[in-house]
Amino acid sequence: MAIMRWDPFGEMLRMQRDMDRIFSRIGSAEGRGETASTVAWMPKIDVKSKGDDIVVRAELPGIDPAAVDIEVTDGVLTIKGERKAEDEREGEGWLIRESSHGTFERSMVLPEGVSAEDIKAEYVDGILEVHVPKALEAARPKTTKIAIGSGE
């Protein structure tokens, strides 16, 4: 068996070349005054524990709340929607365009015992807050000790 030396920086350079190749195929967005961030985007989220809730905050400025879907399937919370790009008008053209647009989808696994019917969401000033009630103690798995008989 041959011993090979591992070069982590070589791996990083290979990964960077692969990523450069992927982004070069996206369609030369930079040539139209767009940055790579406008080609594909994902809203930022924060998840924290607050009292009896888990609170998921998603930054969605400029998005109509009616265009956002929130659903729970098999214990997975999914937030999806679309930020539409501003239409260009005759005589207008982007010089620099850093704002993000397009469809997005974020999913996270919820803790055991969470009731989807009790989840609430509100949208204020471009921030979506989803309040997920924590599971009650009674809903959490319990361990029961089982005695072993002698078989007689």
N, C-alpha and C. Protein backbone atom coordinates (compact mmCIF):
# COMPACT_ATOMS: atom_id res chain seq x y z
N MET A 1 0.84 -1.17 0.00
CA MET A 1 0.00 0.00 0.00
C MET A 1 0.89 1.24 0.00
N ALA A 2 0.64 2.15 -0.92
CA ALA A 2 1.44 3.36 -1.03
C ALA A 2 0.90 4.45 -0.11
N ILE A 3 1.80 5.19 0.48
CA ILE A 3 1.42 6.31 1.34
C ILE A 3 1.43 7.56 0.48
N MET A 4 0.32 8.27 0.48
CA MET A 4 0.22 9.49 -0.32
C MET A 4 0.05 10.68 0.61
N ARG A 5 0.70 11.75 0.27
CA ARG A 5 0.58 12.98 1.05
C ARG A 5 -0.65 13.74 0.60
N TRP A 6 -1.45 14.22 1.54
CA TRP A 6 -2.67 14.97 1.22
C TRP A 6 -2.36 16.45 1.29
N ASP A 7 -2.74 17.17 0.27
CA ASP A 7 -2.50 18.61 0.20
C ASP A 7 -3.84 19.33 0.26
N PRO A 8 -4.25 19.84 1.44
CA PRO A 8 -5.55 20.49 1.54
C PRO A 8 -5.66 21.73 0.67
N PHE A 9 -4.54 22.46 0.47
CA PHE A 9 -4.59 23.65 -0.37
C PHE A 9 -4.79 23.29 -1.84
N GLY A 10 -4.23 22.16 -2.25
CA GLY A 10 -4.47 21.68 -3.61
C GLY A 10 -5.94 21.37 -3.83
N GLU A 11 -6.57 20.76 -2.81
CA GLU A 11 -8.01 20.48 -2.88
C GLU A 11 -8.80 21.77 -3.01
N MET A 12 -8.42 22.79 -2.24
CA MET A 12 -9.11 24.08 -2.30
C MET A 12 -8.96 24.72 -3.68
N LEU A 13 -7.78 24.63 -4.26
CA LEU A 13 -7.57 25.20 -5.59
C LEU A 13 -8.41 24.47 -6.64
N ARG A 14 -8.48 23.14 -6.53
CA ARG A 14 -9.32 22.37 -7.46
C ARG A 14 -10.79 22.77 -7.31
N MET A 15 -11.23 22.94 -6.06
CA MET A 15 -12.61 23.34 -5.82
C MET A 15 -12.87 24.74 -6.39
N GLN A 16 -11.91 25.66 -6.23
CA GLN A 16 -12.08 27.00 -6.77
C GLN A 16 -12.17 26.97 -8.29
N ARG A 17 -11.34 26.16 -8.94
CA ARG A 17 -11.41 26.05 -10.41
C ARG A 17 -12.76 25.48 -10.84
N ASP A 18 -13.26 24.48 -10.11
CA ASP A 18 -14.57 23.91 -10.43
C ASP A 18 -15.67 24.96 -10.29
N MET A 19 -15.61 25.74 -9.21
CA MET A 19 -16.62 26.78 -9.01
C MET A 19 -16.52 27.85 -10.09
N ASP A 20 -15.31 28.24 -10.46
CA ASP A 20 -15.13 29.22 -11.54
C ASP A 20 -15.74 28.71 -12.84
N ARG A 21 -15.55 27.43 -13.11
CA ARG A 21 -16.10 26.84 -14.33
C ARG A 21 -17.63 26.85 -14.29
N ILE A 22 -18.22 26.54 -13.13
CA ILE A 22 -19.68 26.55 -13.00
C ILE A 22 -20.22 27.95 -13.23
N PHE A 23 -19.62 28.96 -12.58
CA PHE A 23 -20.14 30.32 -12.70
C PHE A 23 -19.90 30.90 -14.09
N SER A 24 -18.89 30.42 -14.80
CA SER A 24 -18.67 30.93 -16.16
C SER A 24 -19.76 30.43 -17.10
N ARG A 25 -20.43 29.33 -16.74
CA ARG A 25 -21.50 28.78 -17.58
C ARG A 25 -22.86 29.40 -17.30
N ILE A 26 -22.98 30.19 -16.24
CA ILE A 26 -24.28 30.73 -15.84
C ILE A 26 -24.86 31.67 -16.88
N GLY A 27 -24.06 32.30 -17.66
CA GLY A 27 -24.62 33.15 -18.70
C GLY A 27 -24.01 34.53 -18.73
N SER A 28 -22.82 34.64 -18.20
CA SER A 28 -22.11 35.90 -18.26
C SER A 28 -22.96 37.05 -17.74
N ALA A 29 -23.51 36.89 -16.56
CA ALA A 29 -24.34 37.93 -15.95
C ALA A 29 -23.54 39.20 -15.73
N GLU A 30 -22.24 39.08 -15.44
CA GLU A 30 -21.44 40.27 -15.17
C GLU A 30 -21.37 41.17 -16.39
N GLY A 31 -21.44 40.61 -17.58
CA GLY A 31 -21.41 41.41 -18.80
C GLY A 31 -22.62 42.30 -18.96
N ARG A 32 -23.69 42.02 -18.24
CA ARG A 32 -24.90 42.84 -18.30
C ARG A 32 -25.00 43.75 -17.08
N GLY A 33 -23.91 43.92 -16.35
CA GLY A 33 -23.92 44.77 -15.18
C GLY A 33 -24.48 44.08 -13.95
N GLU A 34 -24.67 42.77 -14.01
CA GLU A 34 -25.18 42.02 -12.88
C GLU A 34 -24.04 41.27 -12.22
N THR A 35 -24.17 41.03 -10.94
CA THR A 35 -23.19 40.22 -10.23
C THR A 35 -23.76 38.82 -10.07
N ALA A 36 -22.92 37.90 -9.64
CA ALA A 36 -23.38 36.52 -9.46
C ALA A 36 -24.50 36.44 -8.44
N SER A 37 -24.56 37.40 -7.49
CA SER A 37 -25.61 37.35 -6.47
C SER A 37 -26.99 37.56 -7.04
N THR A 38 -27.10 38.17 -8.22
CA THR A 38 -28.43 38.37 -8.80
C THR A 38 -28.88 37.16 -9.59
N VAL A 39 -27.97 36.27 -9.91
CA VAL A 39 -28.33 35.11 -10.72
C VAL A 39 -29.04 34.06 -9.87
N ALA A 40 -28.54 33.80 -8.69
CA ALA A 40 -29.18 32.85 -7.77
C ALA A 40 -29.06 33.45 -6.37
N TRP A 41 -30.13 33.37 -5.61
CA TRP A 41 -30.06 33.95 -4.27
C TRP A 41 -30.86 33.13 -3.30
N MET A 42 -30.54 33.33 -2.04
CA MET A 42 -31.22 32.62 -0.97
C MET A 42 -31.39 33.64 0.16
N PRO A 43 -32.62 33.86 0.62
CA PRO A 43 -32.79 34.82 1.72
C PRO A 43 -32.10 34.33 2.98
N LYS A 44 -31.59 35.26 3.75
CA LYS A 44 -30.93 34.92 5.01
C LYS A 44 -31.98 34.58 6.05
N ILE A 45 -31.68 33.59 6.88
CA ILE A 45 -32.59 33.23 7.96
C ILE A 45 -31.82 33.15 9.27
N ASP A 46 -32.55 33.40 10.34
CA ASP A 46 -32.04 33.22 11.70
C ASP A 46 -33.04 32.34 12.42
N VAL A 47 -32.57 31.42 13.23
CA VAL A 47 -33.45 30.55 14.01
C VAL A 47 -33.01 30.67 15.46
N LYS A 48 -33.97 30.99 16.34
CA LYS A 48 -33.62 31.12 17.76
C LYS A 48 -34.72 30.56 18.63
N SER A 49 -34.36 30.27 19.85
CA SER A 49 -35.31 29.82 20.86
C SER A 49 -35.76 31.05 21.61
N LYS A 50 -37.09 31.22 21.75
CA LYS A 50 -37.64 32.39 22.43
C LYS A 50 -38.85 31.94 23.24
N GLY A 51 -38.66 31.79 24.54
CA GLY A 51 -39.76 31.34 25.40
C GLY A 51 -40.21 29.95 25.02
N ASP A 52 -41.50 29.81 24.71
CA ASP A 52 -42.07 28.51 24.35
C ASP A 52 -42.01 28.25 22.85
N ASP A 53 -41.36 29.13 22.08
CA ASP A 53 -41.33 29.01 20.63
C ASP A 53 -39.92 28.87 20.09
N ILE A 54 -39.85 28.29 18.90
CA ILE A 54 -38.68 28.39 18.05
C ILE A 54 -39.09 29.42 17.01
N VAL A 55 -38.28 30.46 16.82
CA VAL A 55 -38.63 31.54 15.91
C VAL A 55 -37.68 31.50 14.71
N VAL A 56 -38.27 31.42 13.52
CA VAL A 56 -37.52 31.45 12.27
C VAL A 56 -37.76 32.81 11.65
N ARG A 57 -36.70 33.60 11.46
CA ARG A 57 -36.80 34.92 10.85
C ARG A 57 -36.14 34.87 9.48
N ALA A 58 -36.88 35.27 8.45
CA ALA A 58 -36.34 35.29 7.09
C ALA A 58 -36.39 36.72 6.56
N GLU A 59 -35.27 37.18 5.99
CA GLU A 59 -35.21 38.51 5.40
C GLU A 59 -35.79 38.44 4.00
N LEU A 60 -36.96 39.07 3.80
CA LEU A 60 -37.64 39.02 2.51
C LEU A 60 -38.07 40.42 2.06
N PRO A 61 -37.19 41.42 2.09
CA PRO A 61 -37.61 42.76 1.69
C PRO A 61 -38.00 42.81 0.22
N GLY A 62 -39.05 43.57 -0.05
CA GLY A 62 -39.49 43.74 -1.43
C GLY A 62 -40.32 42.60 -1.97
N ILE A 63 -40.68 41.66 -1.13
CA ILE A 63 -41.48 40.52 -1.58
C ILE A 63 -42.88 40.66 -1.02
N ASP A 64 -43.87 40.51 -1.89
CA ASP A 64 -45.27 40.53 -1.47
C ASP A 64 -45.52 39.29 -0.61
N PRO A 65 -46.02 39.47 0.63
CA PRO A 65 -46.27 38.30 1.48
C PRO A 65 -47.22 37.28 0.85
N ALA A 66 -48.09 37.73 -0.04
CA ALA A 66 -49.00 36.80 -0.72
C ALA A 66 -48.24 35.88 -1.67
N ALA A 67 -47.00 36.24 -2.03
CA ALA A 67 -46.20 35.43 -2.95
C ALA A 67 -45.28 34.46 -2.20
N VAL A 68 -45.46 34.36 -0.87
CA VAL A 68 -44.64 33.47 -0.06
C VAL A 68 -45.50 32.31 0.43
N ASP A 69 -45.01 31.10 0.27
CA ASP A 69 -45.70 29.90 0.76
C ASP A 69 -44.92 29.32 1.93
N ILE A 70 -45.65 28.98 2.99
CA ILE A 70 -45.05 28.32 4.15
C ILE A 70 -45.83 27.04 4.36
N GLU A 71 -45.12 25.91 4.40
CA GLU A 71 -45.80 24.64 4.60
C GLU A 71 -44.94 23.70 5.44
N VAL A 72 -45.63 22.75 6.07
CA VAL A 72 -44.95 21.71 6.85
C VAL A 72 -45.35 20.37 6.27
N THR A 73 -44.37 19.59 5.86
CA THR A 73 -44.60 18.25 5.32
C THR A 73 -43.65 17.28 6.00
N ASP A 74 -44.20 16.26 6.62
CA ASP A 74 -43.39 15.23 7.29
C ASP A 74 -42.35 15.83 8.23
N GLY A 75 -42.75 16.84 9.00
CA GLY A 75 -41.85 17.42 9.99
C GLY A 75 -40.81 18.37 9.44
N VAL A 76 -40.98 18.81 8.18
CA VAL A 76 -40.03 19.74 7.57
C VAL A 76 -40.77 21.04 7.24
N LEU A 77 -40.29 22.16 7.79
CA LEU A 77 -40.84 23.48 7.50
C LEU A 77 -40.18 24.01 6.24
N THR A 78 -40.99 24.43 5.26
CA THR A 78 -40.46 24.96 4.01
C THR A 78 -41.05 26.35 3.77
N ILE A 79 -40.17 27.29 3.46
CA ILE A 79 -40.56 28.65 3.09
C ILE A 79 -40.09 28.84 1.66
N LYS A 80 -41.03 29.19 0.76
CA LYS A 80 -40.63 29.39 -0.63
C LYS A 80 -41.40 30.55 -1.23
N GLY A 81 -40.83 31.12 -2.26
CA GLY A 81 -41.47 32.25 -2.92
C GLY A 81 -40.60 32.78 -4.04
N GLU A 82 -40.90 34.01 -4.43
CA GLU A 82 -40.16 34.61 -5.55
C GLU A 82 -40.09 36.12 -5.37
N ARG A 83 -38.92 36.66 -5.61
CA ARG A 83 -38.76 38.12 -5.71
C ARG A 83 -38.61 38.41 -7.20
N LYS A 84 -39.55 39.17 -7.72
CA LYS A 84 -39.55 39.46 -9.15
C LYS A 84 -38.54 40.57 -9.46
N ALA A 85 -37.88 40.44 -10.59
CA ALA A 85 -36.94 41.47 -11.04
C ALA A 85 -37.72 42.64 -11.60
N GLU A 86 -37.18 43.83 -11.41
CA GLU A 86 -37.80 45.02 -11.97
C GLU A 86 -37.65 44.99 -13.48
N ASP A 87 -38.74 45.26 -14.19
CA ASP A 87 -38.70 45.26 -15.65
C ASP A 87 -37.90 46.45 -16.17
N GLU A 88 -37.12 46.22 -17.20
CA GLU A 88 -36.41 47.33 -17.85
C GLU A 88 -37.37 48.03 -18.79
N ARG A 89 -37.25 49.34 -18.84
CA ARG A 89 -38.09 50.13 -19.73
C ARG A 89 -37.25 50.69 -20.86
N GLU A 90 -37.92 51.12 -21.90
CA GLU A 90 -37.24 51.71 -23.06
C GLU A 90 -36.33 52.85 -22.59
N GLY A 91 -35.11 52.84 -23.03
CA GLY A 91 -34.16 53.89 -22.68
C GLY A 91 -33.48 53.69 -21.34
N GLU A 92 -33.75 52.57 -20.67
CA GLU A 92 -33.12 52.28 -19.39
C GLU A 92 -32.21 51.06 -19.52
N GLY A 93 -31.21 51.01 -18.72
CA GLY A 93 -30.34 49.84 -18.67
C GLY A 93 -29.55 49.86 -17.38
N TRP A 94 -29.26 48.69 -16.85
CA TRP A 94 -28.55 48.60 -15.58
C TRP A 94 -27.08 48.92 -15.78
N LEU A 95 -26.53 49.76 -14.93
CA LEU A 95 -25.09 49.99 -14.91
C LEU A 95 -24.46 49.08 -13.87
N ILE A 96 -25.10 48.99 -12.72
CA ILE A 96 -24.72 48.04 -11.68
C ILE A 96 -26.01 47.49 -11.10
N ARG A 97 -26.08 46.19 -10.92
CA ARG A 97 -27.28 45.58 -10.36
C ARG A 97 -26.86 44.53 -9.35
N GLU A 98 -27.00 44.86 -8.07
CA GLU A 98 -26.61 43.95 -7.02
C GLU A 98 -27.80 43.37 -6.27
N SER A 99 -28.98 43.87 -6.52
CA SER A 99 -30.16 43.34 -5.82
C SER A 99 -30.45 41.93 -6.33
N SER A 100 -30.88 41.09 -5.41
CA SER A 100 -31.13 39.68 -5.73
C SER A 100 -32.59 39.49 -6.12
N HIS A 101 -32.82 38.56 -7.01
CA HIS A 101 -34.19 38.23 -7.42
C HIS A 101 -34.23 36.79 -7.91
N GLY A 102 -35.45 36.29 -8.04
CA GLY A 102 -35.65 34.92 -8.49
C GLY A 102 -36.42 34.12 -7.46
N THR A 103 -36.56 32.84 -7.70
CA THR A 103 -37.28 31.98 -6.77
C THR A 103 -36.32 31.51 -5.67
N PHE A 104 -36.89 31.17 -4.54
CA PHE A 104 -36.10 30.66 -3.43
C PHE A 104 -36.90 29.61 -2.69
N GLU A 105 -36.19 28.78 -1.95
CA GLU A 105 -36.81 27.77 -1.09
C GLU A 105 -35.85 27.45 0.03
N ARG A 106 -36.32 27.57 1.27
CA ARG A 106 -35.54 27.22 2.45
C ARG A 106 -36.32 26.19 3.23
N SER A 107 -35.66 25.14 3.70
CA SER A 107 -36.32 24.08 4.47
C SER A 107 -35.50 23.77 5.71
N MET A 108 -36.21 23.40 6.78
CA MET A 108 -35.53 22.97 8.00
C MET A 108 -36.37 21.92 8.70
N VAL A 109 -35.69 20.96 9.29
CA VAL A 109 -36.36 19.88 10.02
C VAL A 109 -36.80 20.42 11.37
N LEU A 110 -38.06 20.17 11.72
CA LEU A 110 -38.61 20.61 13.00
C LEU A 110 -38.38 19.54 14.05
N PRO A 111 -38.33 19.93 15.32
CA PRO A 111 -38.17 18.94 16.39
C PRO A 111 -39.38 18.01 16.45
N GLU A 112 -39.18 16.82 17.01
CA GLU A 112 -40.27 15.85 17.19
C GLU A 112 -41.38 16.46 18.04
N GLY A 113 -42.61 16.11 17.73
CA GLY A 113 -43.74 16.50 18.56
C GLY A 113 -44.32 17.87 18.28
N VAL A 114 -43.79 18.60 17.30
CA VAL A 114 -44.32 19.92 16.97
C VAL A 114 -45.62 19.76 16.20
N SER A 115 -46.64 20.52 16.60
CA SER A 115 -47.93 20.48 15.92
C SER A 115 -47.96 21.54 14.83
N ALA A 116 -48.09 21.13 13.58
CA ALA A 116 -48.09 22.06 12.45
C ALA A 116 -49.26 23.04 12.54
N GLU A 117 -50.37 22.63 13.14
CA GLU A 117 -51.55 23.49 13.23
C GLU A 117 -51.31 24.69 14.15
N ASP A 118 -50.34 24.61 15.04
CA ASP A 118 -50.07 25.68 16.00
C ASP A 118 -49.01 26.67 15.52
N ILE A 119 -48.46 26.46 14.34
CA ILE A 119 -47.43 27.36 13.80
C ILE A 119 -48.10 28.63 13.29
N LYS A 120 -47.50 29.78 13.62
CA LYS A 120 -48.04 31.07 13.18
C LYS A 120 -46.93 31.85 12.48
N ALA A 121 -47.33 32.70 11.53
CA ALA A 121 -46.35 33.51 10.81
C ALA A 121 -46.87 34.94 10.67
N GLU A 122 -45.92 35.89 10.68
CA GLU A 122 -46.26 37.28 10.42
C GLU A 122 -45.15 37.92 9.61
N TYR A 123 -45.54 38.91 8.81
CA TYR A 123 -44.62 39.59 7.91
C TYR A 123 -44.69 41.09 8.22
N VAL A 124 -43.59 41.65 8.72
CA VAL A 124 -43.56 43.07 9.07
C VAL A 124 -42.25 43.67 8.57
N ASP A 125 -42.37 44.76 7.81
CA ASP A 125 -41.20 45.50 7.33
C ASP A 125 -40.17 44.61 6.62
N GLY A 126 -40.64 43.70 5.79
CA GLY A 126 -39.74 42.85 5.01
C GLY A 126 -39.15 41.67 5.76
N ILE A 127 -39.58 41.45 6.99
CA ILE A 127 -39.09 40.33 7.79
C ILE A 127 -40.24 39.37 8.04
N LEU A 128 -40.06 38.12 7.64
CA LEU A 128 -41.04 37.07 7.92
C LEU A 128 -40.61 36.37 9.20
N GLU A 129 -41.53 36.29 10.17
CA GLU A 129 -41.26 35.55 11.41
C GLU A 129 -42.23 34.39 11.50
N VAL A 130 -41.69 33.20 11.63
CA VAL A 130 -42.50 31.99 11.79
C VAL A 130 -42.27 31.50 13.22
N HIS A 131 -43.37 31.42 13.99
CA HIS A 131 -43.30 30.98 15.38
C HIS A 131 -43.74 29.52 15.46
N VAL A 132 -42.82 28.66 15.84
CA VAL A 132 -43.08 27.23 15.96
C VAL A 132 -43.09 26.88 17.44
N PRO A 133 -44.27 26.52 18.00
CA PRO A 133 -44.30 26.15 19.42
C PRO A 133 -43.44 24.91 19.68
N LYS A 134 -42.66 24.97 20.76
CA LYS A 134 -41.84 23.82 21.12
C LYS A 134 -42.75 22.68 21.55
N ALA A 135 -42.27 21.47 21.41
CA ALA A 135 -43.05 20.29 21.79
C ALA A 135 -43.26 20.29 23.30
N LEU A 136 -44.43 19.89 23.72
CA LEU A 136 -44.72 19.76 25.14
C LEU A 136 -43.98 18.56 25.70
N GLU A 137 -43.70 18.58 26.98
CA GLU A 137 -43.01 17.44 27.62
C GLU A 137 -43.75 16.14 27.35
N ALA A 138 -45.09 16.18 27.40
CA ALA A 138 -45.88 14.96 27.20
C ALA A 138 -45.70 14.40 25.80
N ALA A 139 -45.40 15.25 24.84
CA ALA A 139 -45.26 14.79 23.46
C ALA A 139 -43.87 14.23 23.18
N ARG A 140 -42.92 14.51 24.05
CA ARG A 140 -41.56 14.02 23.84
C ARG A 140 -41.48 12.53 24.16
N PRO A 141 -40.58 11.82 23.51
CA PRO A 141 -40.46 10.38 23.77
C PRO A 141 -40.09 10.11 25.22
N LYS A 142 -40.68 9.09 25.78
CA LYS A 142 -40.39 8.69 27.16
C LYS A 142 -39.73 7.32 27.13
N THR A 143 -38.89 7.07 28.13
CA THR A 143 -38.25 5.77 28.26
C THR A 143 -38.94 5.03 29.39
N THR A 144 -39.34 3.81 29.10
CA THR A 144 -39.97 2.96 30.10
C THR A 144 -39.08 1.76 30.33
N LYS A 145 -38.73 1.52 31.57
CA LYS A 145 -37.88 0.38 31.93
C LYS A 145 -38.74 -0.88 31.93
N ILE A 146 -38.29 -1.91 31.25
CA ILE A 146 -39.00 -3.19 31.15
C ILE A 146 -38.23 -4.22 31.97
N ALA A 147 -38.93 -4.86 32.87
CA ALA A 147 -38.31 -5.90 33.70
C ALA A 147 -38.14 -7.18 32.89
N ILE A 148 -37.07 -7.90 33.15
CA ILE A 148 -36.80 -9.16 32.46
C ILE A 148 -37.18 -10.30 33.39
N GLY A 149 -38.08 -11.17 32.91
CA GLY A 149 -38.50 -12.33 33.71
C GLY A 149 -37.49 -13.46 33.62
N SER A 150 -37.60 -14.43 34.52
CA SER A 150 -36.66 -15.55 34.55
C SER A 150 -37.05 -16.65 33.58
N GLY A 151 -38.21 -16.59 32.98
CA GLY A 151 -38.63 -17.59 32.01
C GLY A 151 -39.27 -18.80 32.63
N GLU A 152 -39.51 -18.81 33.90
CA GLU A 152 -40.12 -19.97 34.57
C GLU A 152 -41.60 -19.85 34.66
